[in-house]
């Protein structure tokens, strides 16, 4: 399992519109092969700042499977115009402790 983490900076004043669009877009990602779960968090201290966490079976499920799909094109159409700047996406693997 890998964890995708993206810090999203939504243009101020568009937070409610973004959250409504994200709710719609969630069906695109959740129906993708290799998808396990996702969570969206809104920052308490910084308006317009969100943290998106997505669990995938493996890295390729996200970087190749989802990103090369028509579902991703629909995802982009609904969400990408809200971001300023465009988010940096990183992937993490769990450390056994």
PDB file of N, CA and C in Angstrom:
ATOM      1  N   UNK A   1       0.852  -1.177   0.000  1.00  0.00           N
ATOM      2  CA  UNK A   1       0.000   0.000   0.000  1.00  0.00           C
ATOM      3  C   UNK A   1       0.893   1.235   0.000  1.00  0.00           C
ATOM      4  N   UNK A   2       0.517   2.227  -0.795  1.00  0.00           N
ATOM      5  CA  UNK A   2       1.199   3.520  -0.757  1.00  0.00           C
ATOM      6  C   UNK A   2       0.172   4.603  -0.443  1.00  0.00           C
ATOM      7  N   UNK A   3       0.684   5.693   0.113  1.00  0.00           N
ATOM      8  CA  UNK A   3      -0.154   6.832   0.474  1.00  0.00           C
ATOM      9  C   UNK A   3       0.226   8.009  -0.406  1.00  0.00           C
ATOM     10  N   UNK A   4      -0.741   8.504  -1.128  1.00  0.00           N
ATOM     11  CA  UNK A   4      -0.568   9.729  -1.911  1.00  0.00           C
ATOM     12  C   UNK A   4      -0.968  10.892  -1.015  1.00  0.00           C
ATOM     13  N   UNK A   5      -0.130  11.926  -0.966  1.00  0.00           N
ATOM     14  CA  UNK A   5      -0.435  13.107  -0.164  1.00  0.00           C
ATOM     15  C   UNK A   5      -0.302  14.344  -1.040  1.00  0.00           C
ATOM     16  N   UNK A   6      -1.332  15.176  -1.021  1.00  0.00           N
ATOM     17  CA  UNK A   6      -1.318  16.410  -1.807  1.00  0.00           C
ATOM     18  C   UNK A   6      -1.843  17.557  -0.951  1.00  0.00           C
ATOM     19  N   UNK A   7      -1.044  18.612  -0.848  1.00  0.00           N
ATOM     20  CA  UNK A   7      -1.476  19.828  -0.187  1.00  0.00           C
ATOM     21  C   UNK A   7      -2.146  20.689  -1.246  1.00  0.00           C
ATOM     22  N   UNK A   8      -3.420  20.973  -1.048  1.00  0.00           N
ATOM     23  CA  UNK A   8      -4.207  21.710  -2.026  1.00  0.00           C
ATOM     24  C   UNK A   8      -4.452  23.130  -1.531  1.00  0.00           C
ATOM     25  N   UNK A   9      -4.131  24.096  -2.348  1.00  0.00           N
ATOM     26  CA  UNK A   9      -4.391  25.501  -2.029  1.00  0.00           C
ATOM     27  C   UNK A   9      -5.493  25.983  -2.959  1.00  0.00           C
ATOM     28  N   UNK A  10      -6.680  26.124  -2.395  1.00  0.00           N
ATOM     29  CA  UNK A  10      -7.858  26.522  -3.154  1.00  0.00           C
ATOM     30  C   UNK A  10      -7.969  28.045  -3.135  1.00  0.00           C
ATOM     31  N   UNK A  11      -8.285  28.614  -4.283  1.00  0.00           N
ATOM     32  CA  UNK A  11      -8.435  30.065  -4.378  1.00  0.00           C
ATOM     33  C   UNK A  11      -9.461  30.544  -3.355  1.00  0.00           C
ATOM     34  N   UNK A  12      -9.107  31.602  -2.638  1.00  0.00           N
ATOM     35  CA  UNK A  12      -9.971  32.123  -1.571  1.00  0.00           C
ATOM     36  C   UNK A  12     -11.341  32.515  -2.115  1.00  0.00           C
ATOM     37  N   UNK A  13     -12.354  32.160  -1.362  1.00  0.00           N
ATOM     38  CA  UNK A  13     -13.723  32.445  -1.748  1.00  0.00           C
ATOM     39  C   UNK A  13     -14.375  31.321  -2.531  1.00  0.00           C
ATOM     40  N   UNK A  14     -13.582  30.325  -2.942  1.00  0.00           N
ATOM     41  CA  UNK A  14     -14.113  29.221  -3.740  1.00  0.00           C
ATOM     42  C   UNK A  14     -14.170  27.906  -2.955  1.00  0.00           C
ATOM     43  N   UNK A  15     -13.956  27.975  -1.655  1.00  0.00           N
ATOM     44  CA  UNK A  15     -13.887  26.762  -0.842  1.00  0.00           C
ATOM     45  C   UNK A  15     -15.172  25.930  -0.914  1.00  0.00           C
ATOM     46  N   UNK A  16     -16.316  26.550  -0.803  1.00  0.00           N
ATOM     47  CA  UNK A  16     -17.581  25.805  -0.847  1.00  0.00           C
ATOM     48  C   UNK A  16     -17.797  25.157  -2.209  1.00  0.00           C
ATOM     49  N   UNK A  17     -17.479  25.891  -3.262  1.00  0.00           N
ATOM     50  CA  UNK A  17     -17.601  25.338  -4.614  1.00  0.00           C
ATOM     51  C   UNK A  17     -16.643  24.165  -4.801  1.00  0.00           C
ATOM     52  N   UNK A  18     -15.418  24.322  -4.284  1.00  0.00           N
ATOM     53  CA  UNK A  18     -14.435  23.247  -4.368  1.00  0.00           C
ATOM     54  C   UNK A  18     -14.934  21.998  -3.641  1.00  0.00           C
ATOM     55  N   UNK A  19     -15.436  22.165  -2.437  1.00  0.00           N
ATOM     56  CA  UNK A  19     -15.896  21.010  -1.660  1.00  0.00           C
ATOM     57  C   UNK A  19     -17.047  20.290  -2.362  1.00  0.00           C
ATOM     58  N   UNK A  20     -17.952  21.038  -2.974  1.00  0.00           N
ATOM     59  CA  UNK A  20     -19.056  20.422  -3.716  1.00  0.00           C
ATOM     60  C   UNK A  20     -18.527  19.677  -4.943  1.00  0.00           C
ATOM     61  N   UNK A  21     -17.584  20.278  -5.654  1.00  0.00           N
ATOM     62  CA  UNK A  21     -16.995  19.631  -6.827  1.00  0.00           C
ATOM     63  C   UNK A  21     -16.197  18.398  -6.416  1.00  0.00           C
ATOM     64  N   UNK A  22     -15.498  18.495  -5.288  1.00  0.00           N
ATOM     65  CA  UNK A  22     -14.708  17.357  -4.820  1.00  0.00           C
ATOM     66  C   UNK A  22     -15.613  16.170  -4.485  1.00  0.00           C
ATOM     67  N   UNK A  23     -16.749  16.471  -3.908  1.00  0.00           N
ATOM     68  CA  UNK A  23     -17.697  15.398  -3.586  1.00  0.00           C
ATOM     69  C   UNK A  23     -18.104  14.652  -4.858  1.00  0.00           C
ATOM     70  N   UNK A  24     -18.359  15.398  -5.933  1.00  0.00           N
ATOM     71  CA  UNK A  24     -18.698  14.774  -7.220  1.00  0.00           C
ATOM     72  C   UNK A  24     -17.500  13.999  -7.781  1.00  0.00           C
ATOM     73  N   UNK A  25     -16.335  14.609  -7.719  1.00  0.00           N
ATOM     74  CA  UNK A  25     -15.124  14.004  -8.298  1.00  0.00           C
ATOM     75  C   UNK A  25     -14.688  12.747  -7.545  1.00  0.00           C
ATOM     76  N   UNK A  26     -15.101  12.610  -6.308  1.00  0.00           N
ATOM     77  CA  UNK A  26     -14.702  11.448  -5.513  1.00  0.00           C
ATOM     78  C   UNK A  26     -15.107  10.131  -6.159  1.00  0.00           C
ATOM     79  N   UNK A  27     -16.203  10.129  -6.890  1.00  0.00           N
ATOM     80  CA  UNK A  27     -16.638   8.889  -7.544  1.00  0.00           C
ATOM     81  C   UNK A  27     -15.660   8.464  -8.641  1.00  0.00           C
ATOM     82  N   UNK A  28     -14.962   9.414  -9.258  1.00  0.00           N
ATOM     83  CA  UNK A  28     -13.994   9.071 -10.303  1.00  0.00           C
ATOM     84  C   UNK A  28     -12.803   8.324  -9.722  1.00  0.00           C
ATOM     85  N   UNK A  29     -12.310   8.825  -8.600  1.00  0.00           N
ATOM     86  CA  UNK A  29     -11.124   8.197  -8.016  1.00  0.00           C
ATOM     87  C   UNK A  29     -11.486   6.893  -7.298  1.00  0.00           C
ATOM     88  N   UNK A  30     -12.609   6.884  -6.608  1.00  0.00           N
ATOM     89  CA  UNK A  30     -12.968   5.701  -5.817  1.00  0.00           C
ATOM     90  C   UNK A  30     -13.343   4.492  -6.671  1.00  0.00           C
ATOM     91  N   UNK A  31     -13.630   4.716  -7.941  1.00  0.00           N
ATOM     92  CA  UNK A  31     -13.964   3.597  -8.831  1.00  0.00           C
ATOM     93  C   UNK A  31     -12.769   3.151  -9.673  1.00  0.00           C
ATOM     94  N   UNK A  32     -11.582   3.657  -9.346  1.00  0.00           N
ATOM     95  CA  UNK A  32     -10.379   3.320 -10.097  1.00  0.00           C
ATOM     96  C   UNK A  32      -9.737   2.044  -9.577  1.00  0.00           C
ATOM     97  N   UNK A  33      -9.131   1.287 -10.494  1.00  0.00           N
ATOM     98  CA  UNK A  33      -8.416   0.073 -10.104  1.00  0.00           C
ATOM     99  C   UNK A  33      -7.257   0.417  -9.173  1.00  0.00           C
ATOM    100  N   UNK A  34      -7.109  -0.343  -8.111  1.00  0.00           N
ATOM    101  CA  UNK A  34      -6.027  -0.130  -7.166  1.00  0.00           C
ATOM    102  C   UNK A  34      -6.326   0.883  -6.080  1.00  0.00           C
ATOM    103  N   UNK A  35      -7.463   1.572  -6.165  1.00  0.00           N
ATOM    104  CA  UNK A  35      -7.875   2.548  -5.145  1.00  0.00           C
ATOM    105  C   UNK A  35      -8.291   1.806  -3.878  1.00  0.00           C
ATOM    106  N   UNK A  36      -7.878   2.325  -2.720  1.00  0.00           N
ATOM    107  CA  UNK A  36      -8.282   1.750  -1.442  1.00  0.00           C
ATOM    108  C   UNK A  36      -9.178   2.686  -0.632  1.00  0.00           C
ATOM    109  N   UNK A  37      -8.769   3.955  -0.489  1.00  0.00           N
ATOM    110  CA  UNK A  37      -9.570   4.918   0.280  1.00  0.00           C
ATOM    111  C   UNK A  37      -9.001   6.325   0.079  1.00  0.00           C
ATOM    112  N   UNK A  38      -9.797   7.317   0.455  1.00  0.00           N
ATOM    113  CA  UNK A  38      -9.281   8.683   0.449  1.00  0.00           C
ATOM    114  C   UNK A  38      -9.961   9.513   1.525  1.00  0.00           C
ATOM    115  N   UNK A  39      -9.251  10.571   1.913  1.00  0.00           N
ATOM    116  CA  UNK A  39      -9.743  11.503   2.932  1.00  0.00           C
ATOM    117  C   UNK A  39      -9.331  12.913   2.526  1.00  0.00           C
ATOM    118  N   UNK A  40     -10.189  13.876   2.812  1.00  0.00           N
ATOM    119  CA  UNK A  40      -9.892  15.273   2.546  1.00  0.00           C
ATOM    120  C   UNK A  40     -10.031  16.033   3.859  1.00  0.00           C
ATOM    121  N   UNK A  41      -8.997  16.809   4.195  1.00  0.00           N
ATOM    122  CA  UNK A  41      -8.990  17.595   5.426  1.00  0.00           C
ATOM    123  C   UNK A  41      -8.866  19.072   5.083  1.00  0.00           C
ATOM    124  N   UNK A  42      -9.589  19.900   5.827  1.00  0.00           N
ATOM    125  CA  UNK A  42      -9.540  21.353   5.666  1.00  0.00           C
ATOM    126  C   UNK A  42      -8.699  21.928   6.802  1.00  0.00           C
ATOM    127  N   UNK A  43      -7.744  22.768   6.475  1.00  0.00           N
ATOM    128  CA  UNK A  43      -6.860  23.362   7.471  1.00  0.00           C
ATOM    129  C   UNK A  43      -7.628  24.344   8.351  1.00  0.00           C
ATOM    130  N   UNK A  44      -7.388  24.278   9.627  1.00  0.00           N
ATOM    131  CA  UNK A  44      -8.046  25.173  10.588  1.00  0.00           C
ATOM    132  C   UNK A  44      -7.394  26.561  10.574  1.00  0.00           C
ATOM    133  N   UNK A  45      -6.065  26.595  10.453  1.00  0.00           N
ATOM    134  CA  UNK A  45      -5.346  27.865  10.555  1.00  0.00           C
ATOM    135  C   UNK A  45      -5.269  28.662   9.256  1.00  0.00           C
ATOM    136  N   UNK A  46      -5.283  27.982   8.113  1.00  0.00           N
ATOM    137  CA  UNK A  46      -5.053  28.669   6.843  1.00  0.00           C
ATOM    138  C   UNK A  46      -6.266  28.501   5.925  1.00  0.00           C
ATOM    139  N   UNK A  47      -6.991  29.584   5.659  1.00  0.00           N
ATOM    140  CA  UNK A  47      -8.146  29.492   4.755  1.00  0.00           C
ATOM    141  C   UNK A  47      -7.734  29.001   3.373  1.00  0.00           C
ATOM    142  N   UNK A  48      -8.548  28.114   2.806  1.00  0.00           N
ATOM    143  CA  UNK A  48      -8.303  27.620   1.459  1.00  0.00           C
ATOM    144  C   UNK A  48      -7.294  26.491   1.353  1.00  0.00           C
ATOM    145  N   UNK A  49      -6.736  26.051   2.476  1.00  0.00           N
ATOM    146  CA  UNK A  49      -5.724  24.993   2.450  1.00  0.00           C
ATOM    147  C   UNK A  49      -6.358  23.658   2.843  1.00  0.00           C
ATOM    148  N   UNK A  50      -6.109  22.628   2.015  1.00  0.00           N
ATOM    149  CA  UNK A  50      -6.657  21.290   2.234  1.00  0.00           C
ATOM    150  C   UNK A  50      -5.546  20.257   2.102  1.00  0.00           C
ATOM    151  N   UNK A  51      -5.729  19.140   2.765  1.00  0.00           N
ATOM    152  CA  UNK A  51      -4.825  18.008   2.639  1.00  0.00           C
ATOM    153  C   UNK A  51      -5.621  16.825   2.112  1.00  0.00           C
ATOM    154  N   UNK A  52      -5.176  16.291   0.975  1.00  0.00           N
ATOM    155  CA  UNK A  52      -5.801  15.112   0.384  1.00  0.00           C
ATOM    156  C   UNK A  52      -4.887  13.918   0.596  1.00  0.00           C
ATOM    157  N   UNK A  53      -5.437  12.856   1.172  1.00  0.00           N
ATOM    158  CA  UNK A  53      -4.712  11.611   1.386  1.00  0.00           C
ATOM    159  C   UNK A  53      -5.456  10.494   0.658  1.00  0.00           C
ATOM    160  N   UNK A  54      -4.748   9.773  -0.200  1.00  0.00           N
ATOM    161  CA  UNK A  54      -5.351   8.675  -0.953  1.00  0.00           C
ATOM    162  C   UNK A  54      -4.486   7.436  -0.766  1.00  0.00           C
ATOM    163  N   UNK A  55      -5.116   6.329  -0.418  1.00  0.00           N
ATOM    164  CA  UNK A  55      -4.405   5.060  -0.303  1.00  0.00           C
ATOM    165  C   UNK A  55      -4.625   4.256  -1.582  1.00  0.00           C
ATOM    166  N   UNK A  56      -3.520   3.765  -2.128  1.00  0.00           N
ATOM    167  CA  UNK A  56      -3.513   2.966  -3.352  1.00  0.00           C
ATOM    168  C   UNK A  56      -2.841   1.630  -3.064  1.00  0.00           C
ATOM    169  N   UNK A  57      -3.208   0.616  -3.825  1.00  0.00           N
ATOM    170  CA  UNK A  57      -2.570  -0.690  -3.679  1.00  0.00           C
ATOM    171  C   UNK A  57      -1.078  -0.611  -3.981  1.00  0.00           C
ATOM    172  N   UNK A  58      -0.723   0.174  -5.007  1.00  0.00           N
ATOM    173  CA  UNK A  58       0.680   0.357  -5.379  1.00  0.00           C
ATOM    174  C   UNK A  58       0.821   1.681  -6.130  1.00  0.00           C
ATOM    175  N   UNK A  59       2.046   2.094  -6.348  1.00  0.00           N
ATOM    176  CA  UNK A  59       2.316   3.385  -6.978  1.00  0.00           C
ATOM    177  C   UNK A  59       1.726   3.473  -8.389  1.00  0.00           C
ATOM    178  N   UNK A  60       1.849   2.389  -9.150  1.00  0.00           N
ATOM    179  CA  UNK A  60       1.382   2.382 -10.527  1.00  0.00           C
ATOM    180  C   UNK A  60      -0.134   2.544 -10.634  1.00  0.00           C
ATOM    181  N   UNK A  61      -0.872   2.100  -9.626  1.00  0.00           N
ATOM    182  CA  UNK A  61      -2.326   2.284  -9.644  1.00  0.00           C
ATOM    183  C   UNK A  61      -2.681   3.753  -9.752  1.00  0.00           C
ATOM    184  N   UNK A  62      -1.862   4.610  -9.135  1.00  0.00           N
ATOM    185  CA  UNK A  62      -2.115   6.051  -9.210  1.00  0.00           C
ATOM    186  C   UNK A  62      -1.437   6.679 -10.419  1.00  0.00           C
ATOM    187  N   UNK A  63      -0.119   6.484 -10.523  1.00  0.00           N
ATOM    188  CA  UNK A  63       0.658   7.223 -11.516  1.00  0.00           C
ATOM    189  C   UNK A  63       0.401   6.786 -12.949  1.00  0.00           C
ATOM    190  N   UNK A  64       0.076   5.522 -13.145  1.00  0.00           N
ATOM    191  CA  UNK A  64      -0.193   5.027 -14.501  1.00  0.00           C
ATOM    192  C   UNK A  64      -1.690   4.780 -14.678  1.00  0.00           C
ATOM    193  N   UNK A  65      -2.270   3.964 -13.796  1.00  0.00           N
ATOM    194  CA  UNK A  65      -3.677   3.597 -13.931  1.00  0.00           C
ATOM    195  C   UNK A  65      -4.629   4.773 -13.899  1.00  0.00           C
ATOM    196  N   UNK A  66      -4.656   5.498 -12.780  1.00  0.00           N
ATOM    197  CA  UNK A  66      -5.605   6.611 -12.646  1.00  0.00           C
ATOM    198  C   UNK A  66      -5.246   7.780 -13.545  1.00  0.00           C
ATOM    199  N   UNK A  67      -3.989   8.182 -13.538  1.00  0.00           N
ATOM    200  CA  UNK A  67      -3.594   9.380 -14.288  1.00  0.00           C
ATOM    201  C   UNK A  67      -3.702   9.227 -15.804  1.00  0.00           C
ATOM    202  N   UNK A  68      -3.722   8.013 -16.297  1.00  0.00           N
ATOM    203  CA  UNK A  68      -3.859   7.835 -17.753  1.00  0.00           C
ATOM    204  C   UNK A  68      -5.288   7.479 -18.152  1.00  0.00           C
ATOM    205  N   UNK A  69      -6.206   7.584 -17.209  1.00  0.00           N
ATOM    206  CA  UNK A  69      -7.593   7.186 -17.468  1.00  0.00           C
ATOM    207  C   UNK A  69      -8.476   8.376 -17.845  1.00  0.00           C
ATOM    208  N   UNK A  70      -9.630   8.049 -18.417  1.00  0.00           N
ATOM    209  CA  UNK A  70     -10.614   9.095 -18.705  1.00  0.00           C
ATOM    210  C   UNK A  70     -11.207   9.640 -17.397  1.00  0.00           C
ATOM    211  N   UNK A  71     -11.206   8.812 -16.345  1.00  0.00           N
ATOM    212  CA  UNK A  71     -11.690   9.281 -15.037  1.00  0.00           C
ATOM    213  C   UNK A  71     -10.833  10.437 -14.540  1.00  0.00           C
ATOM    214  N   UNK A  72      -9.524  10.359 -14.788  1.00  0.00           N
ATOM    215  CA  UNK A  72      -8.627  11.443 -14.376  1.00  0.00           C
ATOM    216  C   UNK A  72      -8.921  12.714 -15.168  1.00  0.00           C
ATOM    217  N   UNK A  73      -9.232  12.577 -16.445  1.00  0.00           N
ATOM    218  CA  UNK A  73      -9.584  13.748 -17.244  1.00  0.00           C
ATOM    219  C   UNK A  73     -10.833  14.434 -16.679  1.00  0.00           C
ATOM    220  N   UNK A  74     -11.813  13.637 -16.246  1.00  0.00           N
ATOM    221  CA  UNK A  74     -13.018  14.192 -15.617  1.00  0.00           C
ATOM    222  C   UNK A  74     -12.679  14.838 -14.273  1.00  0.00           C
ATOM    223  N   UNK A  75     -11.792  14.203 -13.519  1.00  0.00           N
ATOM    224  CA  UNK A  75     -11.312  14.723 -12.225  1.00  0.00           C
ATOM    225  C   UNK A  75     -10.672  16.096 -12.445  1.00  0.00           C
ATOM    226  N   UNK A  76      -9.761  16.171 -13.406  1.00  0.00           N
ATOM    227  CA  UNK A  76      -9.076  17.429 -13.715  1.00  0.00           C
ATOM    228  C   UNK A  76     -10.077  18.521 -14.086  1.00  0.00           C
ATOM    229  N   UNK A  77     -11.034  18.184 -14.926  1.00  0.00           N
ATOM    230  CA  UNK A  77     -12.023  19.155 -15.396  1.00  0.00           C
ATOM    231  C   UNK A  77     -12.808  19.757 -14.230  1.00  0.00           C
ATOM    232  N   UNK A  78     -13.135  18.927 -13.256  1.00  0.00           N
ATOM    233  CA  UNK A  78     -13.919  19.394 -12.102  1.00  0.00           C
ATOM    234  C   UNK A  78     -13.089  20.165 -11.078  1.00  0.00           C
ATOM    235  N   UNK A  79     -11.813  19.815 -10.913  1.00  0.00           N
ATOM    236  CA  UNK A  79     -11.068  20.320  -9.759  1.00  0.00           C
ATOM    237  C   UNK A  79      -9.884  21.234 -10.043  1.00  0.00           C
ATOM    238  N   UNK A  80      -9.163  21.025 -11.125  1.00  0.00           N
ATOM    239  CA  UNK A  80      -7.874  21.699 -11.273  1.00  0.00           C
ATOM    240  C   UNK A  80      -7.949  23.216 -11.364  1.00  0.00           C
ATOM    241  N   UNK A  81      -9.067  23.763 -11.782  1.00  0.00           N
ATOM    242  CA  UNK A  81      -9.168  25.226 -11.878  1.00  0.00           C
ATOM    243  C   UNK A  81      -9.294  25.909 -10.509  1.00  0.00           C
ATOM    244  N   UNK A  82      -9.501  25.125  -9.448  1.00  0.00           N
ATOM    245  CA  UNK A  82      -9.609  25.706  -8.103  1.00  0.00           C
ATOM    246  C   UNK A  82      -8.245  25.996  -7.478  1.00  0.00           C
ATOM    247  N   UNK A  83      -7.169  25.377  -7.965  1.00  0.00           N
ATOM    248  CA  UNK A  83      -5.873  25.411  -7.282  1.00  0.00           C
ATOM    249  C   UNK A  83      -5.003  26.583  -7.701  1.00  0.00           C
ATOM    250  N   UNK A  84      -4.383  27.197  -6.701  1.00  0.00           N
ATOM    251  CA  UNK A  84      -3.404  28.258  -6.927  1.00  0.00           C
ATOM    252  C   UNK A  84      -2.469  28.305  -5.727  1.00  0.00           C
ATOM    253  N   UNK A  85      -1.244  27.811  -5.855  1.00  0.00           N
ATOM    254  CA  UNK A  85      -0.622  27.197  -7.028  1.00  0.00           C
ATOM    255  C   UNK A  85      -1.089  25.748  -7.212  1.00  0.00           C
ATOM    256  N   UNK A  86      -0.660  25.149  -8.311  1.00  0.00           N
ATOM    257  CA  UNK A  86      -1.008  23.757  -8.563  1.00  0.00           C
ATOM    258  C   UNK A  86      -0.318  22.884  -7.517  1.00  0.00           C
ATOM    259  N   UNK A  87      -1.019  21.880  -6.970  1.00  0.00           N
ATOM    260  CA  UNK A  87      -0.459  21.091  -5.870  1.00  0.00           C
ATOM    261  C   UNK A  87       0.704  20.186  -6.267  1.00  0.00           C
ATOM    262  N   UNK A  88       1.582  20.004  -5.314  1.00  0.00           N
ATOM    263  CA  UNK A  88       2.660  19.032  -5.428  1.00  0.00           C
ATOM    264  C   UNK A  88       2.151  17.735  -4.807  1.00  0.00           C
ATOM    265  N   UNK A  89       2.251  16.642  -5.543  1.00  0.00           N
ATOM    266  CA  UNK A  89       1.764  15.351  -5.071  1.00  0.00           C
ATOM    267  C   UNK A  89       2.964  14.469  -4.747  1.00  0.00           C
ATOM    268  N   UNK A  90       2.945  13.848  -3.569  1.00  0.00           N
ATOM    269  CA  UNK A  90       4.027  12.966  -3.156  1.00  0.00           C
ATOM    270  C   UNK A  90       3.442  11.624  -2.730  1.00  0.00           C
ATOM    271  N   UNK A  91       4.274  10.593  -2.788  1.00  0.00           N
ATOM    272  CA  UNK A  91       3.850   9.240  -2.436  1.00  0.00           C
ATOM    273  C   UNK A  91       4.729   8.727  -1.300  1.00  0.00           C
ATOM    274  N   UNK A  92       4.092   8.012  -0.370  1.00  0.00           N
ATOM    275  CA  UNK A  92       4.795   7.523   0.815  1.00  0.00           C
ATOM    276  C   UNK A  92       4.487   6.044   1.029  1.00  0.00           C
ATOM    277  N   UNK A  93       5.462   5.367   1.600  1.00  0.00           N
ATOM    278  CA  UNK A  93       5.245   3.992   2.013  1.00  0.00           C
ATOM    279  C   UNK A  93       5.452   3.906   3.514  1.00  0.00           C
ATOM    280  N   UNK A  94       4.717   3.016   4.139  1.00  0.00           N
ATOM    281  CA  UNK A  94       4.772   2.899   5.591  1.00  0.00           C
ATOM    282  C   UNK A  94       6.096   2.303   6.053  1.00  0.00           C
ATOM    283  N   UNK A  95       6.593   2.832   7.146  1.00  0.00           N
ATOM    284  CA  UNK A  95       7.811   2.335   7.751  1.00  0.00           C
ATOM    285  C   UNK A  95       7.427   1.378   8.869  1.00  0.00           C
ATOM    286  N   UNK A  96       7.979   0.204   8.843  1.00  0.00           N
ATOM    287  CA  UNK A  96       7.716  -0.769   9.903  1.00  0.00           C
ATOM    288  C   UNK A  96       8.499  -0.359  11.139  1.00  0.00           C
ATOM    289  N   UNK A  97       7.789  -0.120  12.238  1.00  0.00           N
ATOM    290  CA  UNK A  97       8.466   0.284  13.492  1.00  0.00           C
ATOM    291  C   UNK A  97       8.085  -0.664  14.615  1.00  0.00           C
TER     292      UNK A  97
END
